[in-house]
Structure formats: C-alpha cells, structure tokens
Amino acid sequence: MATTEECRSALDKLSDNMARADDGIRGASGFDRSLSCHITDLDTTFTGRIDDGRIEVLDTHEGPPREKAQIRLAMAGDDLVAMVDGELNFAKAWGSGRVRLEAGFRDLLRLRSLL
C-alpha cells in the first residue's frame, strides 16, 4: 500500500509531467480549477489547484474532501502511483471504477488529454 508521502510525490511528478508536456497538452491543462484527490485506502485528501499547467497541493487532511472542488478524484494510493508511473491506464481504471473523476463537462473534455 502506497504511503501518504508516496502519493504526494506522485502528484508532484504528475505536475512536473504536465509542465513538460507538449503545447497541445499544456494548453489543455492551462486552466485554473480547484482540485481534490481523495486517497481512499489512506482516507486522506490532497486539495489544491490546477493552475497554469501545474498541480499545486495546498493542504492535506484526513477524511474525504471538506469542500466540493471543481475537479474531484478518488482512488487507492497504489493506483495513483501506478497511473503516474505509466503502469495503469487512466481510461481503463476509470471505466472499471478503480478511479473516480467528477468534474464539469468542459473540464472533462480538457482533462482527457492529461489523464
């Protein structure tokens, strides 16, 4: 089972990957949205923002998200680490229910190129 530190590191790596992405993906990520990522097996939530093509984690707390973010992710820690490392396909994980993603329709369209 992934630790809180490993999950935080995975989010940082995802942010770095987004910042280094080609112009098409970086353009898709160049929007400002609140974000929560609930790690279900650790019952820990990371909250922050996606801004200018990067993820900025502002807080970490126990339990589910306290406020409704514009983009909401929920998954096991091992799945987050595997996705960021390229070992787990996001679309398959989402389709099978291993990963939950909630966002507005326009945000979903923009996020599809990132995840």
N, C-alpha and C. Protein backbone atom coordinates (compact mmCIF):
# COMPACT_ATOMS: atom_id res chain seq x y z
N MET A 1 0.85 -1.17 0.00
CA MET A 1 0.00 0.00 0.00
C MET A 1 0.90 1.25 0.00
N ALA A 2 0.58 2.18 -0.90
CA ALA A 2 1.34 3.41 -1.00
C ALA A 2 1.13 4.27 0.25
N THR A 3 2.15 4.99 0.63
CA THR A 3 2.07 5.88 1.79
C THR A 3 1.59 7.26 1.36
N THR A 4 1.25 8.08 2.33
CA THR A 4 0.86 9.46 2.05
C THR A 4 1.98 10.20 1.33
N GLU A 5 3.21 9.97 1.75
CA GLU A 5 4.35 10.63 1.11
C GLU A 5 4.52 10.19 -0.34
N GLU A 6 4.32 8.90 -0.61
CA GLU A 6 4.42 8.41 -1.99
C GLU A 6 3.31 9.01 -2.86
N CYS A 7 2.12 9.16 -2.30
CA CYS A 7 1.01 9.76 -3.05
C CYS A 7 1.30 11.23 -3.34
N ARG A 8 1.81 11.94 -2.36
CA ARG A 8 2.17 13.35 -2.56
C ARG A 8 3.25 13.47 -3.63
N SER A 9 4.23 12.58 -3.58
CA SER A 9 5.29 12.57 -4.58
C SER A 9 4.73 12.29 -5.97
N ALA A 10 3.75 11.39 -6.06
CA ALA A 10 3.12 11.08 -7.35
C ALA A 10 2.40 12.31 -7.90
N LEU A 11 1.72 13.06 -7.04
CA LEU A 11 1.05 14.29 -7.50
C LEU A 11 2.08 15.31 -7.97
N ASP A 12 3.19 15.42 -7.28
CA ASP A 12 4.26 16.32 -7.72
C ASP A 12 4.83 15.89 -9.07
N LYS A 13 5.00 14.59 -9.25
CA LYS A 13 5.51 14.07 -10.53
C LYS A 13 4.51 14.33 -11.65
N LEU A 14 3.21 14.15 -11.37
CA LEU A 14 2.18 14.45 -12.36
C LEU A 14 2.23 15.93 -12.74
N SER A 15 2.41 16.79 -11.76
CA SER A 15 2.51 18.22 -12.02
C SER A 15 3.72 18.52 -12.91
N ASP A 16 4.86 17.90 -12.61
CA ASP A 16 6.05 18.08 -13.44
C ASP A 16 5.82 17.59 -14.87
N ASN A 17 5.15 16.45 -15.00
CA ASN A 17 4.85 15.91 -16.33
C ASN A 17 3.96 16.86 -17.12
N MET A 18 2.98 17.45 -16.44
CA MET A 18 2.09 18.40 -17.11
C MET A 18 2.86 19.63 -17.56
N ALA A 19 3.78 20.11 -16.74
CA ALA A 19 4.56 21.30 -17.07
C ALA A 19 5.49 21.06 -18.26
N ARG A 20 5.96 19.82 -18.42
CA ARG A 20 6.88 19.49 -19.52
C ARG A 20 6.16 19.01 -20.76
N ALA A 21 4.85 18.92 -20.72
CA ALA A 21 4.08 18.37 -21.83
C ALA A 21 4.20 19.25 -23.07
N ASP A 22 3.89 18.64 -24.22
CA ASP A 22 3.92 19.41 -25.45
C ASP A 22 2.82 20.48 -25.42
N ASP A 23 2.84 21.37 -26.39
CA ASP A 23 1.93 22.52 -26.39
C ASP A 23 0.46 22.12 -26.36
N GLY A 24 0.08 21.05 -27.05
CA GLY A 24 -1.32 20.64 -27.06
C GLY A 24 -1.83 20.24 -25.70
N ILE A 25 -1.05 19.45 -24.99
CA ILE A 25 -1.46 19.02 -23.66
C ILE A 25 -1.32 20.16 -22.67
N ARG A 26 -0.25 20.93 -22.77
CA ARG A 26 -0.07 22.05 -21.85
C ARG A 26 -1.20 23.05 -22.02
N GLY A 27 -1.65 23.26 -23.25
CA GLY A 27 -2.78 24.16 -23.49
C GLY A 27 -4.05 23.65 -22.85
N ALA A 28 -4.23 22.34 -22.89
CA ALA A 28 -5.41 21.75 -22.26
C ALA A 28 -5.34 21.89 -20.75
N SER A 29 -4.15 21.91 -20.23
CA SER A 29 -4.01 21.99 -18.78
C SER A 29 -3.89 23.42 -18.29
N GLY A 30 -3.83 24.38 -19.20
CA GLY A 30 -3.61 25.76 -18.81
C GLY A 30 -4.88 26.44 -18.35
N PHE A 31 -5.55 25.84 -17.41
CA PHE A 31 -6.73 26.45 -16.85
C PHE A 31 -6.65 26.41 -15.33
N ASP A 32 -7.46 27.22 -14.69
CA ASP A 32 -7.40 27.38 -13.25
C ASP A 32 -8.63 26.74 -12.62
N ARG A 33 -8.42 25.64 -11.88
CA ARG A 33 -9.52 24.92 -11.26
C ARG A 33 -9.09 24.41 -9.89
N SER A 34 -10.06 24.37 -8.97
CA SER A 34 -9.79 23.74 -7.67
C SER A 34 -9.78 22.23 -7.86
N LEU A 35 -9.00 21.54 -7.03
CA LEU A 35 -8.78 20.11 -7.19
C LEU A 35 -8.77 19.43 -5.83
N SER A 36 -9.40 18.25 -5.77
CA SER A 36 -9.23 17.39 -4.59
C SER A 36 -8.92 15.99 -5.09
N CYS A 37 -8.05 15.32 -4.36
CA CYS A 37 -7.68 13.94 -4.68
C CYS A 37 -7.77 13.15 -3.38
N HIS A 38 -8.83 12.35 -3.27
CA HIS A 38 -9.06 11.55 -2.06
C HIS A 38 -8.41 10.18 -2.27
N ILE A 39 -7.47 9.85 -1.41
CA ILE A 39 -6.82 8.54 -1.44
C ILE A 39 -7.63 7.64 -0.51
N THR A 40 -8.43 6.79 -1.10
CA THR A 40 -9.45 6.06 -0.34
C THR A 40 -8.88 5.09 0.69
N ASP A 41 -7.81 4.38 0.35
CA ASP A 41 -7.28 3.40 1.30
C ASP A 41 -6.55 4.05 2.47
N LEU A 42 -6.10 5.28 2.30
CA LEU A 42 -5.44 6.02 3.38
C LEU A 42 -6.41 6.98 4.07
N ASP A 43 -7.61 7.15 3.49
CA ASP A 43 -8.60 8.13 3.94
C ASP A 43 -7.94 9.49 4.15
N THR A 44 -7.21 9.91 3.12
CA THR A 44 -6.50 11.18 3.11
C THR A 44 -6.87 11.93 1.85
N THR A 45 -7.03 13.24 1.97
CA THR A 45 -7.37 14.07 0.82
C THR A 45 -6.32 15.15 0.64
N PHE A 46 -5.85 15.28 -0.60
CA PHE A 46 -4.99 16.38 -1.01
C PHE A 46 -5.88 17.39 -1.70
N THR A 47 -5.76 18.65 -1.34
CA THR A 47 -6.54 19.70 -2.00
C THR A 47 -5.59 20.76 -2.53
N GLY A 48 -6.02 21.39 -3.60
CA GLY A 48 -5.20 22.43 -4.19
C GLY A 48 -5.83 22.96 -5.45
N ARG A 49 -4.97 23.30 -6.41
CA ARG A 49 -5.42 23.90 -7.66
C ARG A 49 -4.61 23.34 -8.83
N ILE A 50 -5.26 23.30 -9.97
CA ILE A 50 -4.56 23.15 -11.25
C ILE A 50 -4.52 24.56 -11.82
N ASP A 51 -3.32 25.08 -12.01
CA ASP A 51 -3.17 26.45 -12.49
C ASP A 51 -1.94 26.53 -13.38
N ASP A 52 -2.13 27.10 -14.55
CA ASP A 52 -1.03 27.32 -15.48
C ASP A 52 -0.27 26.03 -15.78
N GLY A 53 -1.02 24.93 -15.93
CA GLY A 53 -0.41 23.66 -16.31
C GLY A 53 0.29 22.91 -15.20
N ARG A 54 0.06 23.30 -13.95
CA ARG A 54 0.70 22.62 -12.81
C ARG A 54 -0.34 22.33 -11.74
N ILE A 55 -0.06 21.31 -10.95
CA ILE A 55 -0.87 21.00 -9.77
C ILE A 55 -0.16 21.58 -8.56
N GLU A 56 -0.87 22.40 -7.83
CA GLU A 56 -0.32 22.97 -6.60
C GLU A 56 -1.12 22.42 -5.43
N VAL A 57 -0.50 21.55 -4.64
CA VAL A 57 -1.16 20.99 -3.46
C VAL A 57 -1.03 22.01 -2.34
N LEU A 58 -2.18 22.44 -1.81
CA LEU A 58 -2.21 23.46 -0.77
C LEU A 58 -2.44 22.89 0.62
N ASP A 59 -3.09 21.72 0.69
CA ASP A 59 -3.43 21.17 2.01
C ASP A 59 -3.57 19.65 1.89
N THR A 60 -3.34 18.99 3.01
CA THR A 60 -3.56 17.56 3.14
C THR A 60 -4.28 17.35 4.46
N HIS A 61 -5.36 16.58 4.41
CA HIS A 61 -6.08 16.31 5.65
C HIS A 61 -6.68 14.91 5.63
N GLU A 62 -7.00 14.42 6.80
CA GLU A 62 -7.64 13.11 6.92
C GLU A 62 -9.10 13.22 6.51
N GLY A 63 -9.60 12.12 5.98
CA GLY A 63 -11.01 12.05 5.62
C GLY A 63 -11.29 12.49 4.21
N PRO A 64 -12.57 12.47 3.84
CA PRO A 64 -12.96 12.88 2.49
C PRO A 64 -12.82 14.39 2.32
N PRO A 65 -12.95 14.86 1.09
CA PRO A 65 -12.83 16.30 0.86
C PRO A 65 -13.83 17.08 1.72
N ARG A 66 -13.37 18.18 2.26
CA ARG A 66 -14.22 19.02 3.11
C ARG A 66 -15.09 19.95 2.29
N GLU A 67 -14.62 20.35 1.14
CA GLU A 67 -15.35 21.23 0.23
C GLU A 67 -15.38 20.60 -1.15
N LYS A 68 -16.37 20.98 -1.92
CA LYS A 68 -16.52 20.42 -3.26
C LYS A 68 -15.61 21.18 -4.24
N ALA A 69 -14.57 20.51 -4.70
CA ALA A 69 -13.66 21.09 -5.68
C ALA A 69 -14.26 20.98 -7.07
N GLN A 70 -13.77 21.79 -7.99
CA GLN A 70 -14.26 21.73 -9.37
C GLN A 70 -13.85 20.44 -10.05
N ILE A 71 -12.70 19.90 -9.68
CA ILE A 71 -12.23 18.61 -10.20
C ILE A 71 -11.98 17.72 -9.00
N ARG A 72 -12.66 16.56 -8.96
CA ARG A 72 -12.58 15.67 -7.81
C ARG A 72 -12.14 14.28 -8.26
N LEU A 73 -11.04 13.82 -7.71
CA LEU A 73 -10.53 12.48 -7.97
C LEU A 73 -10.60 11.65 -6.71
N ALA A 74 -10.81 10.36 -6.86
CA ALA A 74 -10.77 9.43 -5.72
C ALA A 74 -10.24 8.10 -6.24
N MET A 75 -9.28 7.54 -5.50
CA MET A 75 -8.66 6.28 -5.89
C MET A 75 -7.79 5.77 -4.76
N ALA A 76 -7.34 4.53 -4.88
CA ALA A 76 -6.38 3.97 -3.93
C ALA A 76 -5.00 4.57 -4.22
N GLY A 77 -4.18 4.65 -3.20
CA GLY A 77 -2.85 5.20 -3.34
C GLY A 77 -2.01 4.45 -4.36
N ASP A 78 -2.08 3.13 -4.35
CA ASP A 78 -1.31 2.34 -5.31
C ASP A 78 -1.73 2.65 -6.75
N ASP A 79 -3.02 2.92 -6.96
CA ASP A 79 -3.49 3.25 -8.31
C ASP A 79 -2.97 4.61 -8.75
N LEU A 80 -2.92 5.58 -7.85
CA LEU A 80 -2.36 6.89 -8.19
C LEU A 80 -0.89 6.75 -8.60
N VAL A 81 -0.12 6.05 -7.81
CA VAL A 81 1.30 5.86 -8.10
C VAL A 81 1.47 5.12 -9.43
N ALA A 82 0.69 4.07 -9.64
CA ALA A 82 0.80 3.29 -10.89
C ALA A 82 0.41 4.12 -12.11
N MET A 83 -0.62 4.95 -11.99
CA MET A 83 -1.02 5.80 -13.12
C MET A 83 0.08 6.78 -13.47
N VAL A 84 0.64 7.45 -12.49
CA VAL A 84 1.67 8.45 -12.74
C VAL A 84 2.93 7.79 -13.30
N ASP A 85 3.22 6.57 -12.87
CA ASP A 85 4.39 5.83 -13.37
C ASP A 85 4.14 5.19 -14.73
N GLY A 86 2.93 5.32 -15.27
CA GLY A 86 2.60 4.75 -16.57
C GLY A 86 2.28 3.28 -16.55
N GLU A 87 2.06 2.70 -15.38
CA GLU A 87 1.76 1.27 -15.26
C GLU A 87 0.26 0.98 -15.26
N LEU A 88 -0.56 2.01 -15.11
CA LEU A 88 -2.01 1.85 -15.09
C LEU A 88 -2.62 2.88 -16.02
N ASN A 89 -3.42 2.42 -16.96
CA ASN A 89 -4.07 3.29 -17.91
C ASN A 89 -5.26 3.97 -17.24
N PHE A 90 -5.30 5.31 -17.30
CA PHE A 90 -6.36 6.05 -16.64
C PHE A 90 -7.73 5.66 -17.16
N ALA A 91 -7.90 5.58 -18.47
CA ALA A 91 -9.21 5.30 -19.05
C ALA A 91 -9.74 3.94 -18.59
N LYS A 92 -8.88 2.94 -18.57
CA LYS A 92 -9.31 1.61 -18.11
C LYS A 92 -9.63 1.62 -16.62
N ALA A 93 -8.82 2.32 -15.83
CA ALA A 93 -9.07 2.40 -14.40
C ALA A 93 -10.36 3.15 -14.11
N TRP A 94 -10.63 4.20 -14.86
CA TRP A 94 -11.86 4.96 -14.69
C TRP A 94 -13.07 4.13 -15.12
N GLY A 95 -12.93 3.46 -16.26
CA GLY A 95 -14.02 2.63 -16.78
C GLY A 95 -14.37 1.48 -15.86
N SER A 96 -13.39 0.95 -15.15
CA SER A 96 -13.64 -0.19 -14.25
C SER A 96 -14.05 0.26 -12.84
N GLY A 97 -14.01 1.57 -12.58
CA GLY A 97 -14.40 2.08 -11.27
C GLY A 97 -13.28 2.16 -10.26
N ARG A 98 -12.07 1.83 -10.67
CA ARG A 98 -10.93 1.94 -9.75
C ARG A 98 -10.59 3.39 -9.45
N VAL A 99 -10.87 4.26 -10.39
CA VAL A 99 -10.64 5.68 -10.25
C VAL A 99 -11.96 6.40 -10.48
N ARG A 100 -12.28 7.33 -9.59
CA ARG A 100 -13.47 8.16 -9.79
C ARG A 100 -13.01 9.57 -10.12
N LEU A 101 -13.64 10.15 -11.12
CA LEU A 101 -13.37 11.51 -11.54
C LEU A 101 -14.70 12.22 -11.70
N GLU A 102 -14.84 13.33 -11.01
CA GLU A 102 -16.04 14.16 -11.13
C GLU A 102 -15.60 15.57 -11.49
N ALA A 103 -16.22 16.10 -12.52
CA ALA A 103 -15.90 17.46 -12.97
C ALA A 103 -17.01 17.89 -13.92
N GLY A 104 -17.03 19.17 -14.22
CA GLY A 104 -17.96 19.68 -15.22
C GLY A 104 -17.60 19.14 -16.60
N PHE A 105 -18.56 19.16 -17.50
CA PHE A 105 -18.36 18.59 -18.83
C PHE A 105 -17.17 19.24 -19.55
N ARG A 106 -17.06 20.56 -19.52
CA ARG A 106 -15.95 21.23 -20.21
C ARG A 106 -14.61 20.83 -19.60
N ASP A 107 -14.57 20.70 -18.27
CA ASP A 107 -13.33 20.28 -17.62
C ASP A 107 -12.98 18.84 -18.00
N LEU A 108 -13.98 17.97 -18.09
CA LEU A 108 -13.71 16.59 -18.50
C LEU A 108 -13.09 16.54 -19.90
N LEU A 109 -13.60 17.36 -20.80
CA LEU A 109 -13.03 17.40 -22.15
C LEU A 109 -11.57 17.86 -22.13
N ARG A 110 -11.25 18.83 -21.30
CA ARG A 110 -9.88 19.32 -21.22
C ARG A 110 -8.97 18.31 -20.52
N LEU A 111 -9.50 17.62 -19.54
CA LEU A 111 -8.69 16.67 -18.76
C LEU A 111 -8.39 15.39 -19.53
N ARG A 112 -9.20 15.05 -20.51
CA ARG A 112 -8.99 13.76 -21.20
C ARG A 112 -7.62 13.65 -21.83
N SER A 113 -7.06 14.77 -22.26
CA SER A 113 -5.72 14.73 -22.86
C SER A 113 -4.62 14.64 -21.81
N LEU A 114 -4.94 15.00 -20.57
CA LEU A 114 -3.95 14.94 -19.50
C LEU A 114 -3.86 13.57 -18.88
N LEU A 115 -5.00 12.92 -18.72
CA LEU A 115 -5.04 11.67 -17.99
C LEU A 115 -5.25 10.51 -18.93
